[in-house]
N, C-alpha and C. Protein backbone atom coordinates (compact mmCIF):
# COMPACT_ATOMS: atom_id res chain seq x y z
N MET A 1 13.28 -16.12 -15.86
CA MET A 1 12.31 -16.71 -14.96
C MET A 1 13.01 -17.77 -14.13
N THR A 2 12.96 -17.62 -12.85
CA THR A 2 13.59 -18.59 -11.98
C THR A 2 12.66 -19.79 -11.79
N ALA A 3 13.26 -20.95 -11.54
CA ALA A 3 12.48 -22.16 -11.37
C ALA A 3 11.51 -22.02 -10.21
N SER A 4 11.85 -21.21 -9.20
CA SER A 4 10.99 -21.07 -8.03
C SER A 4 9.65 -20.41 -8.36
N ARG A 5 9.54 -19.74 -9.52
CA ARG A 5 8.27 -19.13 -9.92
C ARG A 5 7.41 -20.08 -10.75
N LEU A 6 7.96 -21.21 -11.12
CA LEU A 6 7.27 -22.19 -11.93
C LEU A 6 6.59 -23.21 -11.03
N CYS A 7 5.33 -23.50 -11.26
CA CYS A 7 4.54 -24.45 -10.46
C CYS A 7 4.61 -24.11 -8.97
N PRO A 8 4.18 -22.91 -8.61
CA PRO A 8 4.33 -22.46 -7.23
C PRO A 8 3.34 -23.12 -6.27
N ASP A 9 3.72 -23.13 -4.98
CA ASP A 9 2.82 -23.62 -3.93
C ASP A 9 1.76 -22.59 -3.59
N ARG A 10 2.05 -21.33 -3.86
CA ARG A 10 1.11 -20.24 -3.57
C ARG A 10 1.37 -19.11 -4.57
N PRO A 11 0.43 -18.19 -4.69
CA PRO A 11 0.62 -17.08 -5.64
C PRO A 11 1.76 -16.16 -5.22
N PHE A 12 2.34 -15.51 -6.22
CA PHE A 12 3.34 -14.48 -5.97
C PHE A 12 2.65 -13.12 -5.97
N LEU A 13 3.05 -12.25 -5.04
CA LEU A 13 2.51 -10.90 -4.94
C LEU A 13 3.37 -9.95 -5.76
N ALA A 14 2.72 -9.19 -6.63
CA ALA A 14 3.43 -8.24 -7.48
C ALA A 14 2.67 -6.91 -7.52
N ALA A 15 3.34 -5.87 -7.98
CA ALA A 15 2.73 -4.55 -8.13
C ALA A 15 3.11 -4.03 -9.51
N SER A 16 2.18 -3.31 -10.13
CA SER A 16 2.44 -2.70 -11.43
C SER A 16 1.96 -1.25 -11.38
N VAL A 17 2.32 -0.51 -12.44
CA VAL A 17 1.96 0.91 -12.45
C VAL A 17 1.63 1.36 -13.86
N CYS A 18 0.50 2.05 -13.98
CA CYS A 18 0.07 2.65 -15.23
C CYS A 18 0.45 4.13 -15.16
N VAL A 19 1.48 4.50 -15.89
CA VAL A 19 1.97 5.88 -15.88
C VAL A 19 1.27 6.66 -16.99
N VAL A 20 0.69 7.78 -16.62
CA VAL A 20 -0.04 8.63 -17.57
C VAL A 20 0.78 9.90 -17.80
N ARG A 21 0.98 10.20 -19.07
CA ARG A 21 1.76 11.38 -19.48
C ARG A 21 1.06 12.02 -20.68
N GLU A 22 0.49 13.19 -20.47
CA GLU A 22 -0.17 13.94 -21.54
C GLU A 22 -1.16 13.07 -22.32
N GLY A 23 -1.97 12.31 -21.60
CA GLY A 23 -3.00 11.50 -22.22
C GLY A 23 -2.54 10.16 -22.76
N ARG A 24 -1.26 9.88 -22.65
CA ARG A 24 -0.71 8.60 -23.12
C ARG A 24 -0.27 7.77 -21.92
N VAL A 25 -0.27 6.45 -22.10
CA VAL A 25 0.17 5.56 -21.04
C VAL A 25 1.40 4.78 -21.50
N LEU A 26 2.24 4.46 -20.54
CA LEU A 26 3.48 3.74 -20.82
C LEU A 26 3.22 2.24 -20.81
N LEU A 27 3.57 1.59 -21.93
CA LEU A 27 3.50 0.14 -22.02
C LEU A 27 4.87 -0.40 -22.37
N ALA A 28 5.17 -1.58 -21.84
CA ALA A 28 6.44 -2.23 -22.13
C ALA A 28 6.17 -3.65 -22.61
N ALA A 29 6.85 -4.05 -23.66
CA ALA A 29 6.75 -5.44 -24.13
C ALA A 29 7.63 -6.30 -23.23
N ARG A 30 7.03 -7.31 -22.62
CA ARG A 30 7.75 -8.16 -21.66
C ARG A 30 8.98 -8.79 -22.30
N GLY A 31 10.08 -8.77 -21.56
CA GLY A 31 11.32 -9.33 -22.04
C GLY A 31 11.54 -10.78 -21.63
N ARG A 32 10.67 -11.28 -20.75
CA ARG A 32 10.84 -12.64 -20.23
C ARG A 32 9.49 -13.35 -20.16
N PRO A 33 9.52 -14.69 -20.16
CA PRO A 33 8.28 -15.44 -19.95
C PRO A 33 7.77 -15.23 -18.53
N PRO A 34 6.52 -15.40 -18.24
CA PRO A 34 5.50 -15.73 -19.23
C PRO A 34 5.12 -14.52 -20.06
N LEU A 35 4.55 -14.76 -21.22
CA LEU A 35 4.05 -13.72 -22.13
C LEU A 35 5.15 -12.81 -22.69
N LYS A 36 6.29 -13.38 -22.98
CA LYS A 36 7.38 -12.61 -23.56
C LYS A 36 6.91 -11.92 -24.85
N GLY A 37 7.21 -10.62 -24.98
CA GLY A 37 6.85 -9.84 -26.16
C GLY A 37 5.48 -9.21 -26.11
N VAL A 38 4.68 -9.54 -25.12
CA VAL A 38 3.34 -8.98 -24.99
C VAL A 38 3.43 -7.67 -24.20
N PHE A 39 2.68 -6.66 -24.64
CA PHE A 39 2.71 -5.36 -23.96
C PHE A 39 1.89 -5.38 -22.69
N THR A 40 2.44 -4.76 -21.64
CA THR A 40 1.79 -4.67 -20.36
C THR A 40 2.33 -3.48 -19.59
N LEU A 41 1.92 -3.35 -18.34
CA LEU A 41 2.42 -2.28 -17.48
C LEU A 41 3.72 -2.73 -16.82
N PRO A 42 4.65 -1.82 -16.61
CA PRO A 42 5.85 -2.18 -15.85
C PRO A 42 5.46 -2.61 -14.43
N GLY A 43 6.18 -3.58 -13.91
CA GLY A 43 5.90 -4.05 -12.55
C GLY A 43 6.70 -5.29 -12.24
N GLY A 44 6.55 -5.76 -11.02
CA GLY A 44 7.27 -6.96 -10.61
C GLY A 44 6.94 -7.33 -9.19
N LEU A 45 7.67 -8.29 -8.68
CA LEU A 45 7.41 -8.83 -7.35
C LEU A 45 7.67 -7.80 -6.25
N VAL A 46 6.85 -7.87 -5.22
CA VAL A 46 7.00 -7.02 -4.04
C VAL A 46 8.04 -7.68 -3.14
N GLU A 47 8.98 -6.89 -2.67
CA GLU A 47 10.01 -7.40 -1.75
C GLU A 47 9.53 -7.27 -0.31
N THR A 48 10.01 -8.14 0.54
CA THR A 48 9.65 -8.11 1.96
C THR A 48 9.95 -6.73 2.55
N GLY A 49 8.97 -6.17 3.27
CA GLY A 49 9.13 -4.87 3.91
C GLY A 49 8.86 -3.69 3.01
N GLU A 50 8.50 -3.94 1.77
CA GLU A 50 8.26 -2.89 0.78
C GLU A 50 6.75 -2.69 0.62
N THR A 51 6.31 -1.43 0.56
CA THR A 51 4.89 -1.19 0.30
C THR A 51 4.60 -1.52 -1.16
N LEU A 52 3.33 -1.71 -1.46
CA LEU A 52 2.92 -1.99 -2.83
C LEU A 52 3.30 -0.84 -3.75
N ALA A 53 3.03 0.40 -3.32
CA ALA A 53 3.35 1.57 -4.13
C ALA A 53 4.86 1.69 -4.36
N ASP A 54 5.64 1.47 -3.30
CA ASP A 54 7.10 1.55 -3.45
C ASP A 54 7.61 0.48 -4.41
N ALA A 55 7.03 -0.72 -4.34
CA ALA A 55 7.44 -1.79 -5.26
C ALA A 55 7.13 -1.41 -6.70
N ALA A 56 5.94 -0.85 -6.94
CA ALA A 56 5.56 -0.45 -8.29
C ALA A 56 6.52 0.61 -8.84
N LEU A 57 6.85 1.60 -8.02
CA LEU A 57 7.75 2.66 -8.47
C LEU A 57 9.18 2.17 -8.66
N ARG A 58 9.64 1.27 -7.79
CA ARG A 58 10.99 0.69 -7.94
C ARG A 58 11.07 -0.09 -9.25
N GLU A 59 10.08 -0.94 -9.49
CA GLU A 59 10.07 -1.74 -10.72
C GLU A 59 10.01 -0.86 -11.95
N LEU A 60 9.23 0.21 -11.90
CA LEU A 60 9.14 1.15 -13.01
C LEU A 60 10.51 1.72 -13.36
N GLU A 61 11.22 2.16 -12.35
CA GLU A 61 12.54 2.74 -12.59
C GLU A 61 13.56 1.69 -13.03
N GLU A 62 13.53 0.52 -12.39
CA GLU A 62 14.48 -0.54 -12.76
C GLU A 62 14.24 -1.07 -14.18
N GLU A 63 12.98 -1.27 -14.54
CA GLU A 63 12.67 -1.88 -15.83
C GLU A 63 12.80 -0.93 -17.00
N VAL A 64 12.34 0.31 -16.83
CA VAL A 64 12.27 1.21 -17.99
C VAL A 64 12.88 2.59 -17.75
N GLY A 65 13.41 2.86 -16.56
CA GLY A 65 14.07 4.14 -16.31
C GLY A 65 13.15 5.34 -16.24
N VAL A 66 11.90 5.13 -15.84
CA VAL A 66 10.93 6.21 -15.74
C VAL A 66 10.60 6.43 -14.27
N ARG A 67 10.36 7.70 -13.91
CA ARG A 67 9.92 8.04 -12.55
C ARG A 67 8.51 8.62 -12.62
N ALA A 68 7.74 8.31 -11.59
CA ALA A 68 6.36 8.79 -11.54
C ALA A 68 5.94 8.94 -10.09
N GLU A 69 4.78 9.56 -9.88
CA GLU A 69 4.22 9.65 -8.53
C GLU A 69 2.88 8.94 -8.52
N ILE A 70 2.69 8.10 -7.53
CA ILE A 70 1.46 7.33 -7.41
C ILE A 70 0.30 8.27 -7.11
N VAL A 71 -0.80 8.06 -7.83
CA VAL A 71 -2.02 8.84 -7.63
C VAL A 71 -3.03 8.00 -6.86
N GLY A 72 -3.08 6.71 -7.13
CA GLY A 72 -4.03 5.86 -6.44
C GLY A 72 -3.92 4.41 -6.84
N PHE A 73 -4.73 3.60 -6.17
CA PHE A 73 -4.78 2.16 -6.41
C PHE A 73 -5.86 1.87 -7.44
N VAL A 74 -5.55 1.09 -8.45
CA VAL A 74 -6.50 0.78 -9.52
C VAL A 74 -7.27 -0.50 -9.20
N GLY A 75 -6.55 -1.56 -8.86
CA GLY A 75 -7.23 -2.82 -8.56
C GLY A 75 -6.33 -4.02 -8.74
N PRO A 76 -6.84 -5.18 -8.35
CA PRO A 76 -6.06 -6.41 -8.47
C PRO A 76 -6.22 -7.06 -9.85
N VAL A 77 -5.18 -7.74 -10.26
CA VAL A 77 -5.19 -8.53 -11.49
C VAL A 77 -4.61 -9.89 -11.13
N GLU A 78 -5.29 -10.95 -11.53
CA GLU A 78 -4.76 -12.29 -11.28
C GLU A 78 -4.30 -12.89 -12.60
N VAL A 79 -3.10 -13.44 -12.60
CA VAL A 79 -2.57 -14.14 -13.76
C VAL A 79 -2.34 -15.58 -13.34
N ILE A 80 -3.13 -16.47 -13.91
CA ILE A 80 -3.00 -17.90 -13.62
C ILE A 80 -2.84 -18.61 -14.96
N GLU A 81 -1.73 -19.30 -15.10
CA GLU A 81 -1.46 -20.06 -16.32
C GLU A 81 -1.36 -21.53 -15.95
N ARG A 82 -2.04 -22.36 -16.72
CA ARG A 82 -2.04 -23.80 -16.43
C ARG A 82 -1.35 -24.56 -17.55
N ASP A 83 -0.79 -25.72 -17.20
CA ASP A 83 -0.16 -26.58 -18.21
C ASP A 83 -1.22 -27.46 -18.87
N GLU A 84 -0.79 -28.38 -19.72
CA GLU A 84 -1.71 -29.24 -20.46
C GLU A 84 -2.57 -30.10 -19.54
N GLU A 85 -2.07 -30.41 -18.36
CA GLU A 85 -2.81 -31.24 -17.41
C GLU A 85 -3.56 -30.41 -16.36
N GLN A 86 -3.69 -29.11 -16.65
CA GLN A 86 -4.42 -28.17 -15.79
C GLN A 86 -3.78 -27.94 -14.43
N ARG A 87 -2.50 -28.26 -14.31
CA ARG A 87 -1.77 -27.90 -13.09
C ARG A 87 -1.37 -26.43 -13.19
N THR A 88 -1.28 -25.78 -12.06
CA THR A 88 -0.91 -24.37 -12.06
C THR A 88 0.57 -24.22 -12.40
N LYS A 89 0.82 -23.57 -13.53
CA LYS A 89 2.19 -23.34 -14.00
C LYS A 89 2.73 -22.02 -13.44
N HIS A 90 1.89 -20.96 -13.49
CA HIS A 90 2.23 -19.65 -12.94
C HIS A 90 1.00 -19.10 -12.23
N HIS A 91 1.25 -18.37 -11.14
CA HIS A 91 0.14 -17.68 -10.45
C HIS A 91 0.69 -16.42 -9.80
N PHE A 92 0.23 -15.28 -10.32
CA PHE A 92 0.64 -13.98 -9.80
C PHE A 92 -0.61 -13.18 -9.43
N VAL A 93 -0.57 -12.50 -8.31
CA VAL A 93 -1.59 -11.52 -7.95
C VAL A 93 -0.89 -10.17 -8.06
N ILE A 94 -1.35 -9.37 -9.01
CA ILE A 94 -0.69 -8.09 -9.31
C ILE A 94 -1.63 -6.96 -8.89
N LEU A 95 -1.12 -6.06 -8.07
CA LEU A 95 -1.91 -4.92 -7.62
C LEU A 95 -1.48 -3.69 -8.43
N ALA A 96 -2.39 -3.26 -9.29
CA ALA A 96 -2.10 -2.19 -10.24
C ALA A 96 -2.35 -0.82 -9.62
N HIS A 97 -1.47 0.11 -9.94
CA HIS A 97 -1.54 1.49 -9.46
C HIS A 97 -1.61 2.46 -10.63
N ALA A 98 -2.15 3.64 -10.38
CA ALA A 98 -2.15 4.73 -11.35
C ALA A 98 -1.12 5.75 -10.90
N ALA A 99 -0.40 6.32 -11.86
CA ALA A 99 0.64 7.29 -11.52
C ALA A 99 0.72 8.38 -12.58
N ARG A 100 1.20 9.51 -12.12
CA ARG A 100 1.44 10.66 -12.99
C ARG A 100 2.94 10.67 -13.32
N TRP A 101 3.26 10.82 -14.60
CA TRP A 101 4.64 10.83 -15.07
C TRP A 101 5.41 12.00 -14.45
N VAL A 102 6.69 11.74 -14.11
CA VAL A 102 7.57 12.77 -13.58
C VAL A 102 8.79 12.97 -14.47
N PHE A 103 9.45 11.85 -14.88
CA PHE A 103 10.72 11.96 -15.59
C PHE A 103 10.98 10.70 -16.40
N GLY A 104 11.63 10.86 -17.56
CA GLY A 104 12.11 9.74 -18.37
C GLY A 104 11.17 9.36 -19.49
N ASP A 105 11.78 9.03 -20.63
CA ASP A 105 11.00 8.62 -21.80
C ASP A 105 10.81 7.12 -21.87
N GLY A 106 11.61 6.39 -21.10
CA GLY A 106 11.56 4.93 -21.13
C GLY A 106 12.72 4.38 -21.92
N GLN A 107 13.23 3.26 -21.46
CA GLN A 107 14.35 2.61 -22.14
C GLN A 107 14.12 1.12 -22.14
N THR A 108 14.61 0.47 -23.18
CA THR A 108 14.48 -0.97 -23.26
C THR A 108 15.60 -1.64 -22.49
N GLY A 109 15.45 -2.94 -22.26
CA GLY A 109 16.46 -3.72 -21.55
C GLY A 109 16.02 -5.16 -21.47
N ASP A 110 16.59 -5.90 -20.54
CA ASP A 110 16.26 -7.32 -20.38
C ASP A 110 14.79 -7.56 -20.09
N GLU A 111 14.18 -6.66 -19.33
CA GLU A 111 12.79 -6.85 -18.92
C GLU A 111 11.78 -6.16 -19.81
N ALA A 112 12.23 -5.25 -20.66
CA ALA A 112 11.34 -4.51 -21.56
C ALA A 112 11.95 -4.49 -22.96
N LEU A 113 11.41 -5.31 -23.85
CA LEU A 113 11.94 -5.39 -25.21
C LEU A 113 11.65 -4.15 -26.04
N GLU A 114 10.50 -3.52 -25.75
CA GLU A 114 10.07 -2.34 -26.49
C GLU A 114 9.24 -1.47 -25.55
N ILE A 115 9.29 -0.16 -25.76
CA ILE A 115 8.53 0.80 -24.96
C ILE A 115 7.62 1.57 -25.91
N ARG A 116 6.38 1.78 -25.48
CA ARG A 116 5.47 2.63 -26.27
C ARG A 116 4.64 3.48 -25.32
N TRP A 117 4.42 4.73 -25.73
CA TRP A 117 3.48 5.63 -25.05
C TRP A 117 2.26 5.69 -25.95
N LEU A 118 1.16 5.10 -25.51
CA LEU A 118 -0.04 5.01 -26.33
C LEU A 118 -1.24 5.68 -25.67
N ARG A 119 -2.12 6.21 -26.49
CA ARG A 119 -3.41 6.69 -25.99
C ARG A 119 -4.25 5.44 -25.71
N PRO A 120 -5.13 5.51 -24.73
CA PRO A 120 -5.94 4.33 -24.39
C PRO A 120 -6.65 3.71 -25.60
N GLU A 121 -7.13 4.53 -26.52
CA GLU A 121 -7.82 4.00 -27.70
C GLU A 121 -6.88 3.30 -28.68
N GLU A 122 -5.57 3.43 -28.49
CA GLU A 122 -4.60 2.78 -29.37
C GLU A 122 -4.17 1.40 -28.86
N LEU A 123 -4.64 0.99 -27.69
CA LEU A 123 -4.23 -0.30 -27.12
C LEU A 123 -4.54 -1.47 -28.04
N ALA A 124 -5.61 -1.36 -28.81
CA ALA A 124 -5.98 -2.45 -29.72
C ALA A 124 -4.95 -2.67 -30.83
N SER A 125 -4.03 -1.72 -31.01
CA SER A 125 -3.02 -1.84 -32.07
C SER A 125 -1.85 -2.74 -31.67
N VAL A 126 -1.80 -3.16 -30.41
CA VAL A 126 -0.72 -4.04 -29.94
C VAL A 126 -1.32 -5.20 -29.15
N ARG A 127 -0.57 -6.28 -29.05
CA ARG A 127 -1.00 -7.43 -28.24
C ARG A 127 -0.70 -7.11 -26.78
N THR A 128 -1.75 -7.14 -25.94
CA THR A 128 -1.59 -6.80 -24.52
C THR A 128 -2.01 -7.97 -23.63
N THR A 129 -1.63 -7.87 -22.38
CA THR A 129 -2.06 -8.85 -21.40
C THR A 129 -3.57 -8.73 -21.20
N ALA A 130 -4.19 -9.81 -20.77
CA ALA A 130 -5.64 -9.86 -20.59
C ALA A 130 -6.10 -8.78 -19.60
N GLY A 131 -7.16 -8.10 -19.95
CA GLY A 131 -7.75 -7.11 -19.07
C GLY A 131 -7.05 -5.77 -19.01
N LEU A 132 -5.99 -5.59 -19.78
CA LEU A 132 -5.22 -4.35 -19.69
C LEU A 132 -6.04 -3.10 -20.06
N PRO A 133 -6.87 -3.12 -21.10
CA PRO A 133 -7.63 -1.91 -21.42
C PRO A 133 -8.49 -1.41 -20.25
N ALA A 134 -9.10 -2.30 -19.48
CA ALA A 134 -9.92 -1.88 -18.34
C ALA A 134 -9.06 -1.27 -17.24
N ILE A 135 -7.90 -1.85 -16.97
CA ILE A 135 -6.97 -1.30 -15.96
C ILE A 135 -6.52 0.09 -16.39
N VAL A 136 -6.15 0.24 -17.67
CA VAL A 136 -5.70 1.53 -18.19
C VAL A 136 -6.82 2.56 -18.07
N ALA A 137 -8.04 2.20 -18.42
CA ALA A 137 -9.16 3.14 -18.34
C ALA A 137 -9.36 3.63 -16.91
N ARG A 138 -9.28 2.71 -15.93
CA ARG A 138 -9.44 3.12 -14.53
C ARG A 138 -8.28 4.00 -14.08
N ALA A 139 -7.06 3.67 -14.51
CA ALA A 139 -5.89 4.45 -14.12
C ALA A 139 -5.96 5.86 -14.70
N VAL A 140 -6.31 5.98 -15.97
CA VAL A 140 -6.42 7.30 -16.60
C VAL A 140 -7.48 8.13 -15.90
N ALA A 141 -8.59 7.51 -15.53
CA ALA A 141 -9.65 8.24 -14.81
C ALA A 141 -9.14 8.73 -13.46
N LEU A 142 -8.40 7.90 -12.74
CA LEU A 142 -7.85 8.31 -11.44
C LEU A 142 -6.90 9.50 -11.60
N VAL A 143 -6.02 9.42 -12.58
CA VAL A 143 -5.06 10.51 -12.78
C VAL A 143 -5.77 11.78 -13.19
N SER A 144 -6.76 11.67 -14.06
CA SER A 144 -7.47 12.88 -14.49
C SER A 144 -8.31 13.49 -13.38
N GLN A 145 -8.76 12.67 -12.43
CA GLN A 145 -9.51 13.17 -11.28
C GLN A 145 -8.59 13.79 -10.22
N GLY A 146 -7.27 13.51 -10.35
CA GLY A 146 -6.31 14.03 -9.40
C GLY A 146 -6.47 13.42 -8.03
N ALA A 147 -6.72 12.11 -8.00
CA ALA A 147 -6.89 11.41 -6.72
C ALA A 147 -5.69 11.65 -5.82
N SER A 148 -5.92 11.60 -4.53
CA SER A 148 -4.84 11.86 -3.57
C SER A 148 -3.81 10.74 -3.62
N SER A 149 -2.57 11.08 -3.28
CA SER A 149 -1.51 10.09 -3.25
C SER A 149 -1.83 9.00 -2.25
N GLY A 150 -1.31 7.86 -2.53
CA GLY A 150 -1.53 6.69 -1.70
C GLY A 150 -0.92 5.54 -2.43
N GLY A 151 -1.34 4.38 -2.22
CA GLY A 151 -0.78 3.28 -2.97
C GLY A 151 -1.29 1.97 -2.45
N CYS A 152 -1.49 1.87 -1.17
CA CYS A 152 -1.93 0.61 -0.62
C CYS A 152 -3.45 0.63 -0.53
N PRO A 153 -4.08 -0.44 -0.98
CA PRO A 153 -5.52 -0.50 -0.83
C PRO A 153 -5.88 -0.63 0.64
N ALA A 154 -7.06 -0.19 1.00
CA ALA A 154 -7.50 -0.27 2.39
C ALA A 154 -7.80 -1.69 2.79
């Protein structure tokens, strides 16, 4: 975690992706703070000039070595962490996407301590980021409906 992400002047824009493969979703245990060791969707900061969908897919491949195709936009997630004096310590706006698995089983590394492919009903067996079960449910529904490709919300 770079110092520039701590106590920010404004939120950071990030993208994540819920990859669905044969009824299971890919979760990665975060390798860095905030929430190190907690399971969540692969994702990260959007780079200048990059679409939200492209950022989600790039982060997926960089973090865990998996490739997927975006099916649709799931929704926004806000992560706001405050210190003891209620000052904003971290603030991320993460735009979650649903994707269909294409290639790769997943690999661990600096950003992903552990990889698991879980059925949505198994999410309660691991510690996850807030609101993850609802995001996963919406993503699985999008993939099962075969929503058209896209990535950026209107």
